[in-house]
C-alpha atoms as a PDB file:
ATOM      1  CA  MET A   1       1.235   8.913  24.507  1.00  0.00           C
ATOM      2  CA  SER A   2       0.715   5.287  25.523  1.00  0.00           C
ATOM      3  CA  ASP A   3       2.474   2.342  23.932  1.00  0.00           C
ATOM      4  CA  ALA A   4       0.498   0.200  21.511  1.00  0.00           C
ATOM      5  CA  VAL A   5       3.237  -2.451  21.528  1.00  0.00           C
ATOM      6  CA  ARG A   6       5.961  -3.097  24.076  1.00  0.00           C
ATOM      7  CA  ILE A   7       8.509  -5.860  23.520  1.00  0.00           C
ATOM      8  CA  ASP A   8      11.230  -6.506  26.085  1.00  0.00           C
ATOM      9  CA  GLY A   9      14.016  -9.089  25.861  1.00  0.00           C
ATOM     10  CA  LEU A  10      12.232 -11.303  23.335  1.00  0.00           C
ATOM     11  CA  ASN A  11      14.046 -14.471  22.265  1.00  0.00           C
ATOM     12  CA  HIS A  12      12.693 -17.162  19.964  1.00  0.00           C
ATOM     13  CA  ARG A  13      14.547 -20.180  18.655  1.00  0.00           C
ATOM     14  CA  PHE A  14      13.706 -22.794  16.032  1.00  0.00           C
ATOM     15  CA  LYS A  15      15.961 -25.715  16.983  1.00  0.00           C
ATOM     16  CA  GLU A  16      19.502 -24.418  16.411  1.00  0.00           C
ATOM     17  CA  VAL A  17      18.387 -21.164  14.732  1.00  0.00           C
ATOM     18  CA  LEU A  18      17.948 -18.110  16.959  1.00  0.00           C
ATOM     19  CA  ALA A  19      15.290 -16.230  14.968  1.00  0.00           C
ATOM     20  CA  VAL A  20      14.753 -13.376  17.457  1.00  0.00           C
ATOM     21  CA  ASP A  21      17.635 -12.322  19.679  1.00  0.00           C
ATOM     22  CA  GLN A  22      16.998 -10.126  22.754  1.00  0.00           C
ATOM     23  CA  LEU A  23      14.556  -7.898  20.891  1.00  0.00           C
ATOM     24  CA  SER A  24      13.295  -4.822  22.742  1.00  0.00           C
ATOM     25  CA  LEU A  25      10.981  -2.416  20.974  1.00  0.00           C
ATOM     26  CA  THR A  26       8.068  -0.032  21.556  1.00  0.00           C
ATOM     27  CA  VAL A  27       5.455   1.203  19.112  1.00  0.00           C
ATOM     28  CA  THR A  28       3.630   4.369  20.143  1.00  0.00           C
ATOM     29  CA  ALA A  29      -0.153   4.450  19.905  1.00  0.00           C
ATOM     30  CA  GLY A  30      -1.298   6.139  16.704  1.00  0.00           C
ATOM     31  CA  GLU A  31       1.907   5.858  14.687  1.00  0.00           C
ATOM     32  CA  VAL A  32       2.732   3.934  11.528  1.00  0.00           C
ATOM     33  CA  PHE A  33       5.742   1.808  12.422  1.00  0.00           C
ATOM     34  CA  GLY A  34       7.798  -0.076   9.842  1.00  0.00           C
ATOM     35  CA  LEU A  35       9.679  -3.248  10.758  1.00  0.00           C
ATOM     36  CA  LEU A  36      12.232  -3.664   7.987  1.00  0.00           C
ATOM     37  CA  GLY A  37      14.931  -6.174   7.177  1.00  0.00           C
ATOM     38  CA  PRO A  38      15.985  -8.954   4.807  1.00  0.00           C
ATOM     39  CA  ASN A  39      14.282 -12.336   4.695  1.00  0.00           C
ATOM     40  CA  GLY A  40      15.323 -14.369   7.712  1.00  0.00           C
ATOM     41  CA  ALA A  41      15.787 -11.273   9.894  1.00  0.00           C
ATOM     42  CA  GLY A  42      13.110 -12.386  12.380  1.00  0.00           C
ATOM     43  CA  LYS A  43      10.332  -9.992  11.347  1.00  0.00           C
ATOM     44  CA  THR A  44       7.630 -12.568  10.633  1.00  0.00           C
ATOM     45  CA  THR A  45       8.482 -14.536  13.784  1.00  0.00           C
ATOM     46  CA  THR A  46       8.070 -11.317  15.788  1.00  0.00           C
ATOM     47  CA  ILE A  47       4.738 -10.615  14.070  1.00  0.00           C
ATOM     48  CA  ARG A  48       3.471 -14.124  14.788  1.00  0.00           C
ATOM     49  CA  ILE A  49       4.331 -13.778  18.469  1.00  0.00           C
ATOM     50  CA  LEU A  50       2.711 -10.340  18.608  1.00  0.00           C
ATOM     51  CA  THR A  51      -0.507 -11.687  17.059  1.00  0.00           C
ATOM     52  CA  THR A  52      -0.511 -14.684  19.484  1.00  0.00           C
ATOM     53  CA  LEU A  53       0.126 -17.247  16.733  1.00  0.00           C
ATOM     54  CA  LEU A  54       3.384 -18.249  18.446  1.00  0.00           C
ATOM     55  CA  PRO A  55       3.983 -18.227  22.216  1.00  0.00           C
ATOM     56  CA  PRO A  56       7.013 -16.187  23.320  1.00  0.00           C
ATOM     57  CA  GLN A  57       9.767 -18.455  24.599  1.00  0.00           C
ATOM     58  CA  GLN A  58      11.563 -15.762  26.572  1.00  0.00           C
ATOM     59  CA  GLY A  59      10.822 -12.109  27.263  1.00  0.00           C
ATOM     60  CA  THR A  60       7.580 -10.145  27.351  1.00  0.00           C
ATOM     61  CA  VAL A  61       5.295  -8.827  24.613  1.00  0.00           C
ATOM     62  CA  GLU A  62       2.369  -6.542  25.412  1.00  0.00           C
ATOM     63  CA  VAL A  63      -0.345  -5.008  23.217  1.00  0.00           C
ATOM     64  CA  PHE A  64      -1.970  -1.975  24.855  1.00  0.00           C
ATOM     65  CA  GLY A  65      -0.837  -3.369  28.204  1.00  0.00           C
ATOM     66  CA  PHE A  66      -2.111  -6.926  27.668  1.00  0.00           C
ATOM     67  CA  ASP A  67       0.473  -9.698  27.863  1.00  0.00           C
ATOM     68  CA  VAL A  68       0.268 -11.899  24.742  1.00  0.00           C
ATOM     69  CA  ARG A  69       1.101 -14.981  26.794  1.00  0.00           C
ATOM     70  CA  LYS A  70      -1.472 -14.454  29.552  1.00  0.00           C
ATOM     71  CA  ARG A  71      -4.241 -12.518  27.757  1.00  0.00           C
ATOM     72  CA  LYS A  72      -4.429 -13.992  24.252  1.00  0.00           C
ATOM     73  CA  MET A  73      -8.120 -13.349  23.664  1.00  0.00           C
ATOM     74  CA  ALA A  74      -7.899  -9.759  24.916  1.00  0.00           C
ATOM     75  CA  VAL A  75      -4.993  -9.127  22.531  1.00  0.00           C
ATOM     76  CA  ARG A  76      -6.803 -10.714  19.585  1.00  0.00           C
ATOM     77  CA  ARG A  77      -9.788  -8.427  20.098  1.00  0.00           C
ATOM     78  CA  LEU A  78      -7.489  -5.418  19.683  1.00  0.00           C
ATOM     79  CA  ILE A  79      -5.698  -6.558  16.523  1.00  0.00           C
ATOM     80  CA  GLY A  80      -6.496  -6.650  12.827  1.00  0.00           C
ATOM     81  CA  TYR A  81      -4.000  -8.803  10.905  1.00  0.00           C
ATOM     82  CA  VAL A  82      -3.245  -9.091   7.195  1.00  0.00           C
ATOM     83  CA  PRO A  83      -0.690 -11.906   6.779  1.00  0.00           C
ATOM     84  CA  GLN A  84       1.655 -12.282   3.844  1.00  0.00           C
ATOM     85  CA  ALA A  85      -0.147 -15.453   2.741  1.00  0.00           C
ATOM     86  CA  LEU A  86      -3.585 -14.755   1.304  1.00  0.00           C
ATOM     87  CA  SER A  87      -6.512 -15.089   3.692  1.00  0.00           C
ATOM     88  CA  ALA A  88      -9.522 -14.424   1.428  1.00  0.00           C
ATOM     89  CA  ASP A  89     -11.644 -17.361   0.206  1.00  0.00           C
ATOM     90  CA  ALA A  90     -11.855 -17.220  -3.595  1.00  0.00           C
ATOM     91  CA  GLY A  91     -15.170 -19.096  -3.615  1.00  0.00           C
ATOM     92  CA  LEU A  92     -16.967 -16.555  -1.420  1.00  0.00           C
ATOM     93  CA  SER A  93     -18.059 -13.093  -2.472  1.00  0.00           C
ATOM     94  CA  GLY A  94     -16.228 -10.101  -1.074  1.00  0.00           C
ATOM     95  CA  ARG A  95     -19.162  -9.368   1.220  1.00  0.00           C
ATOM     96  CA  GLU A  96     -19.294 -12.983   2.447  1.00  0.00           C
ATOM     97  CA  ASN A  97     -15.563 -12.941   3.209  1.00  0.00           C
ATOM     98  CA  VAL A  98     -15.879  -9.802   5.327  1.00  0.00           C
ATOM     99  CA  ALA A  99     -19.064 -11.043   7.042  1.00  0.00           C
ATOM    100  CA  LEU A 100     -17.233 -14.272   7.943  1.00  0.00           C
ATOM    101  CA  PHE A 101     -14.482 -12.298   9.659  1.00  0.00           C
ATOM    102  CA  ALA A 102     -17.094 -10.233  11.471  1.00  0.00           C
ATOM    103  CA  ARG A 103     -18.441 -13.477  12.943  1.00  0.00           C
ATOM    104  CA  LEU A 104     -14.969 -14.843  13.720  1.00  0.00           C
ATOM    105  CA  PHE A 105     -14.090 -11.665  15.621  1.00  0.00           C
ATOM    106  CA  ASP A 106     -17.384 -11.754  17.492  1.00  0.00           C
ATOM    107  CA  VAL A 107     -18.763  -8.495  16.137  1.00  0.00           C
ATOM    108  CA  PRO A 108     -22.248  -8.171  17.691  1.00  0.00           C
ATOM    109  CA  ARG A 109     -24.890  -9.614  15.377  1.00  0.00           C
ATOM    110  CA  ARG A 110     -26.873  -6.370  15.214  1.00  0.00           C
ATOM    111  CA  GLU A 111     -23.751  -4.504  13.998  1.00  0.00           C
ATOM    112  CA  ARG A 112     -22.380  -6.998  11.477  1.00  0.00           C
ATOM    113  CA  ARG A 113     -24.196  -5.847   8.351  1.00  0.00           C
ATOM    114  CA  GLU A 114     -23.497  -2.162   8.993  1.00  0.00           C
ATOM    115  CA  ARG A 115     -19.822  -2.751   9.780  1.00  0.00           C
ATOM    116  CA  THR A 116     -19.391  -5.076   6.794  1.00  0.00           C
ATOM    117  CA  ASP A 117     -20.909  -2.532   4.422  1.00  0.00           C
ATOM    118  CA  ALA A 118     -18.856   0.296   5.968  1.00  0.00           C
ATOM    119  CA  VAL A 119     -15.444  -1.342   5.547  1.00  0.00           C
ATOM    120  CA  ILE A 120     -16.285  -2.571   2.041  1.00  0.00           C
ATOM    121  CA  GLU A 121     -17.158   0.992   1.086  1.00  0.00           C
ATOM    122  CA  ALA A 122     -14.041   2.344   2.783  1.00  0.00           C
ATOM    123  CA  MET A 123     -11.891  -0.022   0.705  1.00  0.00           C
ATOM    124  CA  GLY A 124     -13.631   0.998  -2.525  1.00  0.00           C
ATOM    125  CA  LEU A 125     -15.171  -2.432  -3.135  1.00  0.00           C
ATOM    126  CA  SER A 126     -18.906  -1.696  -3.016  1.00  0.00           C
ATOM    127  CA  ASP A 127     -19.439  -2.311  -6.740  1.00  0.00           C
ATOM    128  CA  ALA A 128     -17.663  -5.690  -6.564  1.00  0.00           C
ATOM    129  CA  ALA A 129     -18.883  -6.780  -3.119  1.00  0.00           C
ATOM    130  CA  ASP A 130     -21.192  -9.523  -4.400  1.00  0.00           C
ATOM    131  CA  ARG A 131     -18.764 -10.971  -6.927  1.00  0.00           C
ATOM    132  CA  PRO A 132     -16.639 -14.029  -6.029  1.00  0.00           C
ATOM    133  CA  ALA A 133     -13.296 -12.938  -4.617  1.00  0.00           C
ATOM    134  CA  GLY A 134     -11.661 -15.251  -7.154  1.00  0.00           C
ATOM    135  CA  THR A 135     -12.561 -12.715  -9.868  1.00  0.00           C
ATOM    136  CA  TYR A 136     -10.788  -9.824  -8.097  1.00  0.00           C
ATOM    137  CA  SER A 137      -7.515  -8.290  -9.231  1.00  0.00           C
ATOM    138  CA  GLY A 138      -4.490  -8.476  -6.943  1.00  0.00           C
ATOM    139  CA  GLY A 139      -5.022  -4.965  -5.616  1.00  0.00           C
ATOM    140  CA  MET A 140      -8.698  -5.653  -4.945  1.00  0.00           C
ATOM    141  CA  ILE A 141      -7.820  -8.833  -3.029  1.00  0.00           C
ATOM    142  CA  ARG A 142      -5.450  -6.937  -0.764  1.00  0.00           C
ATOM    143  CA  ARG A 143      -8.108  -4.273  -0.152  1.00  0.00           C
ATOM    144  CA  LEU A 144     -10.592  -7.039   0.618  1.00  0.00           C
ATOM    145  CA  GLU A 145      -8.182  -8.470   3.173  1.00  0.00           C
ATOM    146  CA  LEU A 146      -7.846  -5.015   4.703  1.00  0.00           C
ATOM    147  CA  ALA A 147     -11.646  -4.889   4.967  1.00  0.00           C
ATOM    148  CA  GLN A 148     -11.579  -8.282   6.708  1.00  0.00           C
ATOM    149  CA  ALA A 149      -8.987  -7.032   9.185  1.00  0.00           C
ATOM    150  CA  LEU A 150     -10.799  -3.750   9.815  1.00  0.00           C
ATOM    151  CA  VAL A 151     -14.341  -5.062  10.345  1.00  0.00           C
ATOM    152  CA  SER A 152     -13.665  -5.621  14.042  1.00  0.00           C
ATOM    153  CA  ALA A 153     -12.518  -1.975  14.458  1.00  0.00           C
ATOM    154  CA  PRO A 154      -9.032  -2.925  15.726  1.00  0.00           C
ATOM    155  CA  ARG A 155      -6.825  -0.522  17.630  1.00  0.00           C
ATOM    156  CA  LEU A 156      -3.719  -2.079  16.060  1.00  0.00           C
ATOM    157  CA  LEU A 157      -3.489  -3.088  12.391  1.00  0.00           C
ATOM    158  CA  VAL A 158      -0.633  -5.511  11.644  1.00  0.00           C
ATOM    159  CA  LEU A 159       0.400  -5.827   8.000  1.00  0.00           C
ATOM    160  CA  ASP A 160       2.951  -8.428   6.893  1.00  0.00           C
ATOM    161  CA  GLU A 161       4.110  -7.514   3.370  1.00  0.00           C
ATOM    162  CA  PRO A 162       0.688  -6.094   2.397  1.00  0.00           C
ATOM    163  CA  THR A 163       1.708  -5.057  -1.133  1.00  0.00           C
ATOM    164  CA  ILE A 164       3.901  -7.988  -2.155  1.00  0.00           C
ATOM    165  CA  GLY A 165       3.347  -8.950  -5.785  1.00  0.00           C
ATOM    166  CA  LEU A 166       1.297  -5.853  -6.644  1.00  0.00           C
ATOM    167  CA  ASP A 167       2.005  -3.418  -9.454  1.00  0.00           C
ATOM    168  CA  PRO A 168       2.813   0.212  -8.510  1.00  0.00           C
ATOM    169  CA  VAL A 169      -0.736   1.441  -9.117  1.00  0.00           C
ATOM    170  CA  ALA A 170      -2.280  -1.284  -6.931  1.00  0.00           C
ATOM    171  CA  ARG A 171       0.331  -0.697  -4.226  1.00  0.00           C
ATOM    172  CA  ALA A 172      -0.512   3.007  -4.171  1.00  0.00           C
ATOM    173  CA  GLY A 173      -4.216   2.153  -3.914  1.00  0.00           C
ATOM    174  CA  VAL A 174      -3.678  -0.098  -0.903  1.00  0.00           C
ATOM    175  CA  TRP A 175      -1.663   2.566   0.919  1.00  0.00           C
ATOM    176  CA  GLU A 176      -4.219   5.231   0.067  1.00  0.00           C
ATOM    177  CA  ARG A 177      -6.894   3.180   1.854  1.00  0.00           C
ATOM    178  CA  ILE A 178      -4.651   2.484   4.853  1.00  0.00           C
ATOM    179  CA  THR A 179      -3.854   6.184   5.184  1.00  0.00           C
ATOM    180  CA  GLU A 180      -7.524   7.187   4.974  1.00  0.00           C
ATOM    181  CA  VAL A 181      -8.638   4.730   7.659  1.00  0.00           C
ATOM    182  CA  ARG A 182      -5.782   5.693   9.950  1.00  0.00           C
ATOM    183  CA  ALA A 183      -6.646   9.396   9.587  1.00  0.00           C
ATOM    184  CA  GLN A 184     -10.280   8.668  10.460  1.00  0.00           C
ATOM    185  CA  THR A 185      -9.677   6.346  13.415  1.00  0.00           C
ATOM    186  CA  GLY A 186      -6.245   7.141  14.876  1.00  0.00           C
ATOM    187  CA  MET A 187      -5.417   3.440  14.558  1.00  0.00           C
ATOM    188  CA  THR A 188      -1.849   2.225  15.105  1.00  0.00           C
ATOM    189  CA  VAL A 189      -0.251   0.455  12.127  1.00  0.00           C
ATOM    190  CA  LEU A 190       2.676  -1.973  12.287  1.00  0.00           C
ATOM    191  CA  VAL A 191       3.912  -2.990   8.848  1.00  0.00           C
ATOM    192  CA  THR A 192       6.689  -5.109   7.379  1.00  0.00           C
ATOM    193  CA  THR A 193       7.712  -4.371   3.809  1.00  0.00           C
ATOM    194  CA  HIS A 194      10.625  -4.854   1.422  1.00  0.00           C
ATOM    195  CA  TYR A 195       9.637  -1.735  -0.510  1.00  0.00           C
ATOM    196  CA  MET A 196      11.851   0.902   1.079  1.00  0.00           C
ATOM    197  CA  GLU A 197      10.105   3.744  -0.740  1.00  0.00           C
ATOM    198  CA  GLU A 198       6.832   2.738   0.957  1.00  0.00           C
ATOM    199  CA  ALA A 199       8.441   2.803   4.382  1.00  0.00           C
ATOM    200  CA  GLU A 200      10.105   6.131   3.651  1.00  0.00           C
ATOM    201  CA  GLU A 201       6.841   7.747   2.560  1.00  0.00           C
ATOM    202  CA  PHE A 202       4.301   6.292   4.971  1.00  0.00           C
ATOM    203  CA  CYS A 203       6.080   5.274   8.198  1.00  0.00           C
ATOM    204  CA  ASP A 204       6.540   7.662  11.127  1.00  0.00           C
ATOM    205  CA  ARG A 205       9.384   5.502  12.446  1.00  0.00           C
ATOM    206  CA  VAL A 206      11.170   2.396  11.234  1.00  0.00           C
ATOM    207  CA  ALA A 207      13.344  -0.279  12.793  1.00  0.00           C
ATOM    208  CA  LEU A 208      15.864  -2.191  10.695  1.00  0.00           C
ATOM    209  CA  MET A 209      16.098  -5.792  11.889  1.00  0.00           C
ATOM    210  CA  HIS A 210      18.912  -8.164  10.901  1.00  0.00           C
ATOM    211  CA  ARG A 211      19.736 -11.605  12.266  1.00  0.00           C
ATOM    212  CA  GLY A 212      17.136 -11.291  15.012  1.00  0.00           C
ATOM    213  CA  ARG A 213      18.272  -7.924  16.371  1.00  0.00           C
ATOM    214  CA  ILE A 214      17.377  -4.264  15.848  1.00  0.00           C
ATOM    215  CA  ARG A 215      20.304  -2.579  14.085  1.00  0.00           C
ATOM    216  CA  ALA A 216      18.797   0.894  13.607  1.00  0.00           C
ATOM    217  CA  LEU A 217      15.726   2.738  14.860  1.00  0.00           C
ATOM    218  CA  GLY A 218      14.313   6.183  14.119  1.00  0.00           C
ATOM    219  CA  THR A 219      12.409   8.239  11.602  1.00  0.00           C
ATOM    220  CA  PRO A 220      13.306   7.590   7.954  1.00  0.00           C
ATOM    221  CA  ALA A 221      14.883  11.054   7.741  1.00  0.00           C
ATOM    222  CA  GLU A 222      17.004  10.444  10.875  1.00  0.00           C
ATOM    223  CA  LEU A 223      18.335   7.113   9.624  1.00  0.00           C
ATOM    224  CA  ILE A 224      19.116   8.506   6.182  1.00  0.00           C
ATOM    225  CA  ALA A 225      21.026  11.394   7.762  1.00  0.00           C
ATOM    226  CA  GLN A 226      22.938   9.071  10.125  1.00  0.00           C
ATOM    227  CA  THR A 227      24.230   6.972   7.226  1.00  0.00           C
ATOM    228  CA  ALA A 228      24.818   9.943   4.904  1.00  0.00           C
ATOM    229  CA  GLY A 229      22.595   8.188   2.399  1.00  0.00           C
ATOM    230  CA  GLU A 230      19.976   9.421  -0.006  1.00  0.00           C
ATOM    231  CA  SER A 231      17.191   6.946   0.793  1.00  0.00           C
ATOM    232  CA  LEU A 232      16.198   4.042   3.038  1.00  0.00           C
ATOM    233  CA  ASP A 233      17.706   1.731   0.434  1.00  0.00           C
ATOM    234  CA  ASP A 234      21.090   3.180   1.403  1.00  0.00           C
ATOM    235  CA  VAL A 235      20.288   2.688   5.101  1.00  0.00           C
ATOM    236  CA  PHE A 236      19.302  -0.921   4.419  1.00  0.00           C
ATOM    237  CA  ARG A 237      22.581  -1.637   2.618  1.00  0.00           C
ATOM    238  CA  SER A 238      24.587   0.173   5.271  1.00  0.00           C
ATOM    239  CA  TYR A 239      23.370  -2.097   8.072  1.00  0.00           C
ATOM    240  CA  THR A 240      23.088  -5.389   6.213  1.00  0.00           C
ATOM    241  CA  GLY A 241      25.899  -5.064   3.662  1.00  0.00           C
ATOM    242  CA  ASP A 242      26.386  -8.128   1.524  1.00  0.00           C
ATOM    243  CA  ASP A 243      25.585 -10.469   4.408  1.00  0.00           C
ATOM    244  CA  LEU A 244      21.975 -11.020   3.357  1.00  0.00           C
ATOM    245  CA  ASP A 245      20.090 -14.124   4.398  1.00  0.00           C
ATOM    246  CA  ALA A 246      17.565 -15.055   1.717  1.00  0.00           C
ATOM    247  CA  GLY A 247      15.450 -16.853   4.286  1.00  0.00           C
ATOM    248  CA  GLY A 248      14.429 -20.474   4.414  1.00  0.00           C
ATOM    249  CA  PHE A 249      12.742 -22.448   1.656  1.00  0.00           C
ATOM    250  CA  SER A 250       9.321 -21.868   3.197  1.00  0.00           C
ATOM    251  CA  ASP A 251       9.869 -18.079   3.255  1.00  0.00           C
ATOM    252  CA  VAL A 252      10.716 -17.983  -0.436  1.00  0.00           C
ATOM    253  CA  ARG A 253       7.906 -20.375  -1.350  1.00  0.00           C
ATOM    254  CA  THR A 254       5.316 -18.307   0.552  1.00  0.00           C
ATOM    255  CA  ALA A 255       6.444 -15.046  -1.053  1.00  0.00           C
ATOM    256  CA  ARG A 256       6.417 -16.524  -4.558  1.00  0.00           C
ATOM    257  CA  ARG A 257       3.017 -18.165  -4.079  1.00  0.00           C
ATOM    258  CA  THR A 258       1.502 -14.907  -2.836  1.00  0.00           C
ATOM    259  CA  ALA A 259       3.005 -12.948  -5.716  1.00  0.00           C
ATOM    260  CA  ARG A 260       1.629 -15.428  -8.269  1.00  0.00           C
ATOM    261  CA  ARG A 261      -1.874 -15.326  -6.800  1.00  0.00           C
ATOM    262  CA  LEU A 262      -1.927 -11.538  -6.722  1.00  0.00           C
ATOM    263  CA  GLY A 263      -0.389 -11.130 -10.175  1.00  0.00           C
END
């Protein structure tokens, strides 16, 4: 199978901090790939480079063969992105939010209404589509943001902490929708999450990232067996130990703000 994502020798530095350190990684087309690690590991920096929000300083990053440095617009047309920070406009209805993204991603005018209605239905939001998004629950907001990301029919869906701040029922609902769409379309999914049980259940492969480097890579079952653990939580502790970086002030502030707005 072809590679959806290929990263080779990626370095990225913020002043004296080396956020990503000689990262090399491939994500196979059609798989659900989990990028795991503590705050400050370099996951979000990698995601921002992959989605063309940051230019790579050193190394190469390709999405379905397109270089993110040289072919930004081609890459953006292939990606649906749900960032950790909320992207829905509370003052617009759910339908208006999705229609706006359809325009932003240059969905042909004649297809916009049909595609908007289709992804709203797929996310289970038809009954609430004409209500302001500000009246939605946290789980509904995340499903709305999935609809926004999916309206352009992306080949790669990138999810940065998609269930942060959600209760267990809402988290399960979000993953149910992701799984359904992936089964229907064969879409590739790249996800970061701090919920190890999510990664263990839904990811085909995972990479554990710490201090800018990949420390472990494989299926959840393989990594659990290698560390003689019982779960991915044990794998996480095995490779990071007590040397956890809580991330910078902005990382913590963003996570807390998102959790409050979804709560």
